[in-house]
């Protein structure tokens, strides 16, 4: 199983929760440094709690399941939200 498949598998564990709130997430890129770049979709892209969802839910699920991943960022979140 390649890195993208492993990340997708990790996302499947939290996707039902995202979809329950009208959102979702897609993998845009995995860099050679192990950074996963995600796009927040639906309500996840505009929800004021999306930063917490990214850090507490999505990032934790991916990094726990795929140790090679060093960081998870959302490409469509404001830069200051990711500090």
Protein backbone atom coordinates (compact mmCIF):
# COMPACT_ATOMS: atom_id res chain seq x y z
CA UNK A 1 0.00 0.00 0.00
CA UNK A 2 1.47 3.37 -0.99
CA UNK A 3 1.51 6.51 1.14
CA UNK A 4 -1.57 8.04 -0.51
CA UNK A 5 -3.58 4.87 0.09
CA UNK A 6 -2.48 4.82 3.73
CA UNK A 7 -3.52 8.45 4.20
CA UNK A 8 -6.88 7.81 2.49
CA UNK A 9 -7.43 4.81 4.76
CA UNK A 10 -6.75 6.99 7.82
CA UNK A 11 -9.17 9.63 6.52
CA UNK A 12 -11.89 7.00 6.13
CA UNK A 13 -11.88 6.58 9.92
CA UNK A 14 -12.96 10.20 10.46
CA UNK A 15 -14.84 10.91 7.23
CA UNK A 16 -18.23 9.87 8.68
CA UNK A 17 -17.89 12.61 11.31
CA UNK A 18 -16.97 15.22 8.71
CA UNK A 19 -19.86 14.19 6.46
CA UNK A 20 -22.28 14.28 9.39
CA UNK A 21 -21.55 18.01 9.61
CA UNK A 22 -21.81 18.53 5.85
CA UNK A 23 -18.08 18.53 5.15
CA UNK A 24 -15.33 16.36 3.73
CA UNK A 25 -11.66 16.49 2.87
CA UNK A 26 -9.56 15.52 -0.15
CA UNK A 27 -5.85 14.79 -0.45
CA UNK A 28 -4.26 17.31 -2.80
CA UNK A 29 -0.61 16.29 -2.44
CA UNK A 30 1.88 14.42 -0.29
CA UNK A 31 5.29 16.05 -0.53
CA UNK A 32 8.63 14.26 -0.45
CA UNK A 33 9.10 15.70 3.06
CA UNK A 34 6.01 13.83 4.29
CA UNK A 35 3.65 16.82 4.35
CA UNK A 36 0.04 15.99 3.51
CA UNK A 37 -1.77 18.86 1.79
CA UNK A 38 -5.53 18.60 2.15
CA UNK A 39 -8.45 20.55 0.78
CA UNK A 40 -11.34 21.11 3.17
CA UNK A 41 -14.65 20.64 1.39
CA UNK A 42 -18.23 21.67 2.08
CA UNK A 43 -18.88 23.02 5.57
CA UNK A 44 -15.32 22.12 6.64
CA UNK A 45 -14.00 24.87 4.38
CA UNK A 46 -16.04 27.61 6.05
CA UNK A 47 -16.62 26.33 9.59
CA UNK A 48 -15.02 28.48 12.31
CA UNK A 49 -14.00 25.24 14.07
CA UNK A 50 -12.17 23.89 11.01
CA UNK A 51 -8.76 24.62 12.56
CA UNK A 52 -9.65 22.46 15.57
CA UNK A 53 -11.01 19.74 13.28
CA UNK A 54 -7.73 19.82 11.33
CA UNK A 55 -5.48 19.61 14.39
CA UNK A 56 -7.50 17.42 16.73
CA UNK A 57 -9.15 15.10 14.26
CA UNK A 58 -7.67 14.92 10.80
CA UNK A 59 -4.00 15.50 11.64
CA UNK A 60 -4.07 13.10 14.60
CA UNK A 61 -5.76 10.33 12.60
CA UNK A 62 -3.28 10.60 9.72
CA UNK A 63 -0.12 10.91 11.82
CA UNK A 64 -1.14 8.01 14.07
CA UNK A 65 -1.87 5.72 11.13
CA UNK A 66 1.01 6.81 8.88
CA UNK A 67 4.19 7.53 10.89
CA UNK A 68 6.05 8.73 7.77
CA UNK A 69 3.85 11.83 7.69
CA UNK A 70 5.52 14.84 9.34
CA UNK A 71 2.76 17.44 9.01
CA UNK A 72 -0.80 17.99 7.76
CA UNK A 73 -1.93 21.31 6.29
CA UNK A 74 -5.08 22.55 4.60
CA UNK A 75 -4.36 24.35 1.35
CA UNK A 76 -7.58 26.36 1.49
CA UNK A 77 -7.34 27.59 5.08
CA UNK A 78 -6.02 31.06 5.81
CA UNK A 79 -2.29 30.93 6.62
CA UNK A 80 -2.71 32.57 10.03
CA UNK A 81 -5.14 29.78 10.99
CA UNK A 82 -2.35 27.23 10.65
CA UNK A 83 0.14 28.82 13.05
